[in-house]
All heavy atoms as atom14 arrays in JSON, in Angstrom:
{
  "sequence": "SGPQPPWTTKRVFFFRNKGGALAIETGAYDPLLGYSYA",
  "atom14_mask": [
    [1, 1, 1, 1, 1, 1, 0, 0, 0, 0, 0, 0, 0, 0],
    [1, 1, 1, 1, 0, 0, 0, 0, 0, 0, 0, 0, 0, 0],
    [1, 1, 1, 1, 1, 1, 1, 0, 0, 0, 0, 0, 0, 0],
    [1, 1, 1, 1, 1, 1, 1, 1, 1, 0, 0, 0, 0, 0],
    [1, 1, 1, 1, 1, 1, 1, 0, 0, 0, 0, 0, 0, 0],
    [1, 1, 1, 1, 1, 1, 1, 0, 0, 0, 0, 0, 0, 0],
    [1, 1, 1, 1, 1, 1, 1, 1, 1, 1, 1, 1, 1, 1],
    [1, 1, 1, 1, 1, 1, 1, 0, 0, 0, 0, 0, 0, 0],
    [1, 1, 1, 1, 1, 1, 1, 0, 0, 0, 0, 0, 0, 0],
    [1, 1, 1, 1, 1, 1, 1, 1, 1, 0, 0, 0, 0, 0],
    [1, 1, 1, 1, 1, 1, 1, 1, 1, 1, 1, 0, 0, 0],
    [1, 1, 1, 1, 1, 1, 1, 0, 0, 0, 0, 0, 0, 0],
    [1, 1, 1, 1, 1, 1, 1, 1, 1, 1, 1, 0, 0, 0],
    [1, 1, 1, 1, 1, 1, 1, 1, 1, 1, 1, 0, 0, 0],
    [1, 1, 1, 1, 1, 1, 1, 1, 1, 1, 1, 0, 0, 0],
    [1, 1, 1, 1, 1, 1, 1, 1, 1, 1, 1, 0, 0, 0],
    [1, 1, 1, 1, 1, 1, 1, 1, 0, 0, 0, 0, 0, 0],
    [1, 1, 1, 1, 1, 1, 1, 1, 1, 0, 0, 0, 0, 0],
    [1, 1, 1, 1, 0, 0, 0, 0, 0, 0, 0, 0, 0, 0],
    [1, 1, 1, 1, 0, 0, 0, 0, 0, 0, 0, 0, 0, 0],
    [1, 1, 1, 1, 1, 0, 0, 0, 0, 0, 0, 0, 0, 0],
    [1, 1, 1, 1, 1, 1, 1, 1, 0, 0, 0, 0, 0, 0],
    [1, 1, 1, 1, 1, 0, 0, 0, 0, 0, 0, 0, 0, 0],
    [1, 1, 1, 1, 1, 1, 1, 1, 0, 0, 0, 0, 0, 0],
    [1, 1, 1, 1, 1, 1, 1, 1, 1, 0, 0, 0, 0, 0],
    [1, 1, 1, 1, 1, 1, 1, 0, 0, 0, 0, 0, 0, 0],
    [1, 1, 1, 1, 0, 0, 0, 0, 0, 0, 0, 0, 0, 0],
    [1, 1, 1, 1, 1, 0, 0, 0, 0, 0, 0, 0, 0, 0],
    [1, 1, 1, 1, 1, 1, 1, 1, 1, 1, 1, 1, 0, 0],
    [1, 1, 1, 1, 1, 1, 1, 1, 0, 0, 0, 0, 0, 0],
    [1, 1, 1, 1, 1, 1, 1, 0, 0, 0, 0, 0, 0, 0],
    [1, 1, 1, 1, 1, 1, 1, 1, 0, 0, 0, 0, 0, 0],
    [1, 1, 1, 1, 1, 1, 1, 1, 0, 0, 0, 0, 0, 0],
    [1, 1, 1, 1, 0, 0, 0, 0, 0, 0, 0, 0, 0, 0],
    [1, 1, 1, 1, 1, 1, 1, 1, 1, 1, 1, 1, 0, 0],
    [1, 1, 1, 1, 1, 1, 0, 0, 0, 0, 0, 0, 0, 0],
    [1, 1, 1, 1, 1, 1, 1, 1, 1, 1, 1, 1, 0, 0],
    [1, 1, 1, 1, 1, 0, 0, 0, 0, 0, 0, 0, 0, 0]
  ],
  "atom14_positions": [
    [[0.84, -1.18, 0.09], [-0.02, 0.08, 0.0], [0.9, 1.18, 0.05], [1.88, 1.33, 0.57], [-0.93, 0.09, 1.25], [-0.09, 0.03, 2.38], [0.0, 0.0, 0.0], [0.0, 0.0, 0.0], [0.0, 0.0, 0.0], [0.0, 0.0, 0.0], [0.0, 0.0, 0.0], [0.0, 0.0, 0.0], [0.0, 0.0, 0.0], [0.0, 0.0, 0.0]],
    [[0.36, 2.2, -0.67], [1.21, 3.53, -0.79], [0.26, 4.58, -1.33], [-0.84, 4.49, -1.43], [0.0, 0.0, 0.0], [0.0, 0.0, 0.0], [0.0, 0.0, 0.0], [0.0, 0.0, 0.0], [0.0, 0.0, 0.0], [0.0, 0.0, 0.0], [0.0, 0.0, 0.0], [0.0, 0.0, 0.0], [0.0, 0.0, 0.0], [0.0, 0.0, 0.0]],
    [[0.93, 5.72, -1.75], [0.16, 6.95, -2.2], [-0.5, 6.62, -3.54], [-1.44, 7.36, -3.94], [1.24, 8.05, -2.21], [2.59, 7.22, -2.37], [2.3, 5.97, -1.71], [0.0, 0.0, 0.0], [0.0, 0.0, 0.0], [0.0, 0.0, 0.0], [0.0, 0.0, 0.0], [0.0, 0.0, 0.0], [0.0, 0.0, 0.0], [0.0, 0.0, 0.0]],
    [[-0.01, 5.78, -4.34], [-0.52, 5.59, -5.64], [-1.45, 4.33, -5.61], [-1.28, 3.32, -4.98], [0.59, 5.28, -6.58], [1.62, 6.44, -6.8], [1.0, 7.65, -7.31], [0.01, 7.62, -8.14], [1.55, 8.78, -7.19], [0.0, 0.0, 0.0], [0.0, 0.0, 0.0], [0.0, 0.0, 0.0], [0.0, 0.0, 0.0], [0.0, 0.0, 0.0]],
    [[-2.57, 4.42, -6.42], [-3.56, 3.24, -6.51], [-2.9, 2.12, -7.32], [-1.84, 2.29, -8.07], [-4.76, 3.95, -7.21], [-4.09, 4.94, -8.14], [-3.04, 5.5, -7.25], [0.0, 0.0, 0.0], [0.0, 0.0, 0.0], [0.0, 0.0, 0.0], [0.0, 0.0, 0.0], [0.0, 0.0, 0.0], [0.0, 0.0, 0.0], [0.0, 0.0, 0.0]],
    [[-3.42, 0.9, -7.21], [-2.96, -0.17, -8.0], [-2.87, 0.07, -9.5], [-3.83, 0.86, -9.96], [-3.86, -1.39, -7.68], [-4.43, -0.97, -6.24], [-4.54, 0.49, -6.28], [0.0, 0.0, 0.0], [0.0, 0.0, 0.0], [0.0, 0.0, 0.0], [0.0, 0.0, 0.0], [0.0, 0.0, 0.0], [0.0, 0.0, 0.0], [0.0, 0.0, 0.0]],
    [[-2.05, -0.59, -10.31], [-1.97, -0.39, -11.68], [-1.79, -1.65, -12.45], [-0.9, -2.48, -11.97], [-0.95, 0.6, -12.01], [-0.69, 0.77, -13.55], [0.26, 0.21, -14.38], [-1.5, 1.53, -14.4], [0.08, 0.56, -15.68], [-1.07, 1.37, -15.71], [-2.63, 2.32, -14.21], [-1.54, 2.05, -16.73], [-3.26, 3.01, -15.29], [-2.81, 2.84, -16.53]],
    [[-2.57, -1.89, -13.41], [-2.39, -3.15, -14.25], [-1.69, -2.9, -15.54], [-2.29, -2.07, -16.38], [-3.8, -3.73, -14.46], [-4.4, -4.09, -13.25], [-3.68, -5.05, -15.28], [0.0, 0.0, 0.0], [0.0, 0.0, 0.0], [0.0, 0.0, 0.0], [0.0, 0.0, 0.0], [0.0, 0.0, 0.0], [0.0, 0.0, 0.0], [0.0, 0.0, 0.0]],
    [[-0.55, -3.39, -15.7], [0.15, -3.19, -16.93], [-0.48, -4.13, -17.94], [-0.74, -5.3, -17.62], [1.72, -3.59, -16.81], [2.2, -2.67, -15.79], [2.39, -3.52, -18.06], [0.0, 0.0, 0.0], [0.0, 0.0, 0.0], [0.0, 0.0, 0.0], [0.0, 0.0, 0.0], [0.0, 0.0, 0.0], [0.0, 0.0, 0.0], [0.0, 0.0, 0.0]],
    [[-0.64, -3.7, -19.11], [-1.4, -4.47, -20.16], [-0.53, -5.58, -20.87], [-1.1, -6.51, -21.36], [-1.99, -3.52, -21.25], [-2.94, -2.45, -20.51], [-3.42, -1.47, -21.63], [-4.43, -0.48, -20.97], [-3.78, 0.29, -19.94], [0.0, 0.0, 0.0], [0.0, 0.0, 0.0], [0.0, 0.0, 0.0], [0.0, 0.0, 0.0], [0.0, 0.0, 0.0]],
    [[0.79, -5.3, -20.88], [1.65, -6.28, -21.65], [3.09, -6.23, -21.11], [3.59, -5.03, -20.88], [1.59, -5.96, -23.17], [2.16, -7.05, -24.11], [1.78, -6.72, -25.57], [0.4, -6.85, -25.81], [-0.33, -5.98, -26.54], [0.25, -4.91, -27.05], [-1.61, -6.26, -26.74], [0.0, 0.0, 0.0], [0.0, 0.0, 0.0], [0.0, 0.0, 0.0]],
    [[3.74, -7.26, -21.19], [5.18, -7.38, -20.67], [5.97, -8.15, -21.61], [5.54, -9.13, -22.21], [5.27, -8.04, -19.31], [6.77, -8.04, -18.76], [4.38, -7.48, -18.3], [0.0, 0.0, 0.0], [0.0, 0.0, 0.0], [0.0, 0.0, 0.0], [0.0, 0.0, 0.0], [0.0, 0.0, 0.0], [0.0, 0.0, 0.0], [0.0, 0.0, 0.0]],
    [[7.19, -7.54, -22.01], [8.07, -8.12, -22.97], [9.39, -8.36, -22.35], [9.86, -7.68, -21.38], [8.37, -7.15, -24.1], [7.14, -7.05, -25.04], [6.21, -6.03, -24.83], [6.91, -7.95, -26.04], [5.19, -5.78, -25.69], [5.83, -7.72, -26.94], [4.97, -6.7, -26.75], [0.0, 0.0, 0.0], [0.0, 0.0, 0.0], [0.0, 0.0, 0.0]],
    [[10.07, -9.41, -22.82], [11.51, -9.57, -22.53], [12.32, -9.05, -23.71], [11.94, -9.23, -24.87], [11.84, -11.02, -22.42], [11.48, -11.71, -21.08], [10.75, -12.96, -21.12], [11.73, -11.11, -19.85], [10.33, -13.45, -19.94], [11.36, -11.7, -18.71], [10.66, -12.87, -18.71], [0.0, 0.0, 0.0], [0.0, 0.0, 0.0], [0.0, 0.0, 0.0]],
    [[13.42, -8.4, -23.45], [14.32, -7.93, -24.54], [15.06, -9.14, -25.09], [15.6, -10.02, -24.25], [15.24, -6.92, -24.0], [16.18, -6.24, -25.0], [15.75, -5.17, -25.8], [17.4, -6.86, -25.23], [16.73, -4.68, -26.68], [18.33, -6.27, -26.28], [17.88, -5.24, -26.9], [0.0, 0.0, 0.0], [0.0, 0.0, 0.0], [0.0, 0.0, 0.0]],
    [[15.33, -9.24, -26.42], [16.15, -10.29, -26.94], [17.28, -9.71, -27.83], [17.03, -8.65, -28.5], [15.24, -11.2, -27.9], [14.04, -11.95, -27.09], [14.61, -12.99, -26.12], [13.56, -13.67, -25.57], [13.67, -14.47, -24.56], [14.8, -14.73, -24.03], [12.66, -15.25, -24.07], [0.0, 0.0, 0.0], [0.0, 0.0, 0.0], [0.0, 0.0, 0.0]],
    [[18.41, -10.27, -27.77], [19.44, -9.78, -28.65], [19.13, -10.1, -30.16], [19.6, -9.34, -31.03], [20.78, -10.34, -28.2], [21.22, -9.68, -26.81], [21.01, -8.55, -26.6], [21.82, -10.5, -26.1], [0.0, 0.0, 0.0], [0.0, 0.0, 0.0], [0.0, 0.0, 0.0], [0.0, 0.0, 0.0], [0.0, 0.0, 0.0], [0.0, 0.0, 0.0]],
    [[18.49, -11.2, -30.33], [18.1, -11.55, -31.71], [17.04, -12.59, -31.67], [16.73, -13.11, -30.6], [19.36, -12.13, -32.38], [19.9, -13.42, -31.76], [21.1, -13.99, -32.55], [21.7, -15.12, -31.92], [22.88, -15.65, -32.75], [0.0, 0.0, 0.0], [0.0, 0.0, 0.0], [0.0, 0.0, 0.0], [0.0, 0.0, 0.0], [0.0, 0.0, 0.0]],
    [[16.13, -12.47, -32.76], [15.29, -13.62, -32.87], [13.97, -13.53, -32.07], [13.34, -14.6, -31.91], [0.0, 0.0, 0.0], [0.0, 0.0, 0.0], [0.0, 0.0, 0.0], [0.0, 0.0, 0.0], [0.0, 0.0, 0.0], [0.0, 0.0, 0.0], [0.0, 0.0, 0.0], [0.0, 0.0, 0.0], [0.0, 0.0, 0.0], [0.0, 0.0, 0.0]],
    [[13.55, -12.32, -31.59], [12.39, -12.22, -30.8], [11.22, -12.28, -31.75], [11.26, -12.24, -32.96], [0.0, 0.0, 0.0], [0.0, 0.0, 0.0], [0.0, 0.0, 0.0], [0.0, 0.0, 0.0], [0.0, 0.0, 0.0], [0.0, 0.0, 0.0], [0.0, 0.0, 0.0], [0.0, 0.0, 0.0], [0.0, 0.0, 0.0], [0.0, 0.0, 0.0]],
    [[9.97, -12.4, -31.0], [8.77, -12.53, -31.83], [8.41, -11.26, -32.51], [7.72, -11.17, -33.47], [7.6, -13.06, -30.91], [0.0, 0.0, 0.0], [0.0, 0.0, 0.0], [0.0, 0.0, 0.0], [0.0, 0.0, 0.0], [0.0, 0.0, 0.0], [0.0, 0.0, 0.0], [0.0, 0.0, 0.0], [0.0, 0.0, 0.0], [0.0, 0.0, 0.0]],
    [[8.88, -10.16, -31.94], [8.49, -8.81, -32.43], [9.85, -8.04, -32.82], [10.74, -7.94, -31.93], [7.68, -7.99, -31.27], [7.08, -6.75, -31.83], [5.94, -7.2, -32.77], [6.45, -6.03, -30.59], [0.0, 0.0, 0.0], [0.0, 0.0, 0.0], [0.0, 0.0, 0.0], [0.0, 0.0, 0.0], [0.0, 0.0, 0.0], [0.0, 0.0, 0.0]],
    [[9.94, -7.61, -34.09], [11.1, -6.91, -34.5], [10.73, -5.46, -34.62], [9.72, -5.09, -35.33], [11.57, -7.43, -35.88], [0.0, 0.0, 0.0], [0.0, 0.0, 0.0], [0.0, 0.0, 0.0], [0.0, 0.0, 0.0], [0.0, 0.0, 0.0], [0.0, 0.0, 0.0], [0.0, 0.0, 0.0], [0.0, 0.0, 0.0], [0.0, 0.0, 0.0]],
    [[11.46, -4.49, -33.94], [11.27, -3.13, -33.98], [12.37, -2.39, -34.77], [13.61, -2.68, -34.35], [11.06, -2.58, -32.6], [9.84, -3.18, -31.86], [10.96, -0.99, -32.62], [9.7, -2.75, -30.44], [0.0, 0.0, 0.0], [0.0, 0.0, 0.0], [0.0, 0.0, 0.0], [0.0, 0.0, 0.0], [0.0, 0.0, 0.0], [0.0, 0.0, 0.0]],
    [[12.05, -1.65, -35.68], [13.23, -0.97, -36.4], [13.47, 0.3, -35.87], [12.74, 1.26, -35.89], [12.62, -0.73, -37.97], [13.7, -0.02, -38.85], [14.98, -0.72, -38.85], [15.03, -1.83, -39.48], [15.92, -0.27, -38.34], [0.0, 0.0, 0.0], [0.0, 0.0, 0.0], [0.0, 0.0, 0.0], [0.0, 0.0, 0.0], [0.0, 0.0, 0.0]],
    [[14.72, 0.41, -35.24], [15.17, 1.68, -34.64], [15.97, 2.53, -35.65], [16.51, 3.58, -35.21], [15.86, 1.47, -33.3], [17.14, 0.78, -33.72], [15.12, 0.57, -32.37], [0.0, 0.0, 0.0], [0.0, 0.0, 0.0], [0.0, 0.0, 0.0], [0.0, 0.0, 0.0], [0.0, 0.0, 0.0], [0.0, 0.0, 0.0], [0.0, 0.0, 0.0]],
    [[16.26, 2.02, -36.83], [17.14, 2.72, -37.74], [16.32, 3.71, -38.59], [17.02, 4.29, -39.56], [0.0, 0.0, 0.0], [0.0, 0.0, 0.0], [0.0, 0.0, 0.0], [0.0, 0.0, 0.0], [0.0, 0.0, 0.0], [0.0, 0.0, 0.0], [0.0, 0.0, 0.0], [0.0, 0.0, 0.0], [0.0, 0.0, 0.0], [0.0, 0.0, 0.0]],
    [[15.12, 3.87, -38.39], [14.35, 4.88, -39.11], [14.83, 6.24, -39.07], [15.12, 6.6, -37.77], [12.86, 4.75, -38.88], [0.0, 0.0, 0.0], [0.0, 0.0, 0.0], [0.0, 0.0, 0.0], [0.0, 0.0, 0.0], [0.0, 0.0, 0.0], [0.0, 0.0, 0.0], [0.0, 0.0, 0.0], [0.0, 0.0, 0.0], [0.0, 0.0, 0.0]],
    [[14.88, 7.04, -39.99], [15.41, 8.39, -39.96], [14.25, 9.32, -39.54], [13.15, 9.18, -40.12], [16.04, 8.88, -41.31], [16.4, 10.27, -41.45], [17.5, 10.77, -40.7], [15.72, 11.18, -42.1], [18.05, 12.08, -40.73], [16.07, 12.53, -42.3], [17.16, 12.9, -41.49], [17.54, 14.2, -41.53], [0.0, 0.0, 0.0], [0.0, 0.0, 0.0]],
    [[14.51, 10.27, -38.66], [13.44, 11.22, -38.3], [13.86, 12.65, -38.73], [14.84, 13.17, -38.24], [13.39, 11.29, -36.7], [12.2, 11.93, -36.21], [11.79, 13.1, -36.83], [11.5, 11.66, -35.23], [0.0, 0.0, 0.0], [0.0, 0.0, 0.0], [0.0, 0.0, 0.0], [0.0, 0.0, 0.0], [0.0, 0.0, 0.0], [0.0, 0.0, 0.0]],
    [[13.18, 13.18, -39.69], [13.58, 14.46, -40.24], [13.45, 15.56, -39.37], [14.07, 16.62, -39.42], [12.64, 14.62, -41.5], [11.51, 13.68, -41.16], [12.07, 12.58, -40.46], [0.0, 0.0, 0.0], [0.0, 0.0, 0.0], [0.0, 0.0, 0.0], [0.0, 0.0, 0.0], [0.0, 0.0, 0.0], [0.0, 0.0, 0.0], [0.0, 0.0, 0.0]],
    [[12.57, 15.38, -38.27], [12.36, 16.43, -37.36], [13.61, 16.6, -36.45], [13.93, 17.75, -35.88], [11.18, 16.3, -36.42], [9.82, 16.41, -37.16], [8.62, 16.12, -36.16], [9.67, 17.83, -37.68], [0.0, 0.0, 0.0], [0.0, 0.0, 0.0], [0.0, 0.0, 0.0], [0.0, 0.0, 0.0], [0.0, 0.0, 0.0], [0.0, 0.0, 0.0]],
    [[14.25, 15.49, -36.13], [15.46, 15.44, -35.27], [16.78, 15.45, -36.08], [17.75, 15.81, -35.63], [15.4, 14.19, -34.47], [14.21, 14.03, -33.53], [14.16, 12.67, -32.89], [14.12, 15.1, -32.51], [0.0, 0.0, 0.0], [0.0, 0.0, 0.0], [0.0, 0.0, 0.0], [0.0, 0.0, 0.0], [0.0, 0.0, 0.0], [0.0, 0.0, 0.0]],
    [[16.76, 15.07, -37.38], [17.97, 14.89, -38.04], [18.71, 13.84, -37.85], [20.01, 13.71, -38.25], [0.0, 0.0, 0.0], [0.0, 0.0, 0.0], [0.0, 0.0, 0.0], [0.0, 0.0, 0.0], [0.0, 0.0, 0.0], [0.0, 0.0, 0.0], [0.0, 0.0, 0.0], [0.0, 0.0, 0.0], [0.0, 0.0, 0.0], [0.0, 0.0, 0.0]],
    [[18.19, 12.85, -37.23], [18.93, 11.64, -36.79], [17.88, 10.4, -36.94], [16.72, 10.6, -36.97], [19.46, 11.63, -35.32], [20.45, 12.68, -34.96], [20.05, 13.83, -34.59], [21.78, 12.26, -34.99], [21.09, 14.84, -34.24], [22.77, 13.15, -34.71], [22.3, 14.53, -34.25], [23.31, 15.38, -33.92], [0.0, 0.0, 0.0], [0.0, 0.0, 0.0]],
    [[18.49, 9.23, -37.07], [17.72, 8.02, -36.77], [17.73, 7.7, -35.21], [18.62, 8.27, -34.52], [18.24, 6.72, -37.62], [19.54, 6.35, -36.92], [0.0, 0.0, 0.0], [0.0, 0.0, 0.0], [0.0, 0.0, 0.0], [0.0, 0.0, 0.0], [0.0, 0.0, 0.0], [0.0, 0.0, 0.0], [0.0, 0.0, 0.0], [0.0, 0.0, 0.0]],
    [[16.93, 6.84, -34.77], [16.9, 6.68, -33.34], [18.02, 5.71, -32.91], [18.58, 5.82, -31.85], [15.55, 5.94, -33.02], [14.38, 6.69, -33.58], [13.44, 6.15, -34.64], [14.13, 7.97, -33.21], [12.54, 6.95, -35.17], [13.14, 8.7, -33.69], [12.33, 8.22, -34.77], [11.27, 8.92, -35.2], [0.0, 0.0, 0.0], [0.0, 0.0, 0.0]],
    [[18.49, 4.97, -33.89], [19.74, 4.22, -33.73], [20.91, 5.04, -33.49], [21.88, 4.88, -32.71], [19.93, 3.12, -34.79], [0.0, 0.0, 0.0], [0.0, 0.0, 0.0], [0.0, 0.0, 0.0], [0.0, 0.0, 0.0], [0.0, 0.0, 0.0], [0.0, 0.0, 0.0], [0.0, 0.0, 0.0], [0.0, 0.0, 0.0], [0.0, 0.0, 0.0]]
  ]
}
């Protein structure tokens, strides 16, 4: 118990170095920033 009410997280992932079920592309270029996220 504490100052914050209970919270239910909707989904939990493990990070994988390779071969995970979900692949996220971080190399996309963002013209607003002038960089890719990688």
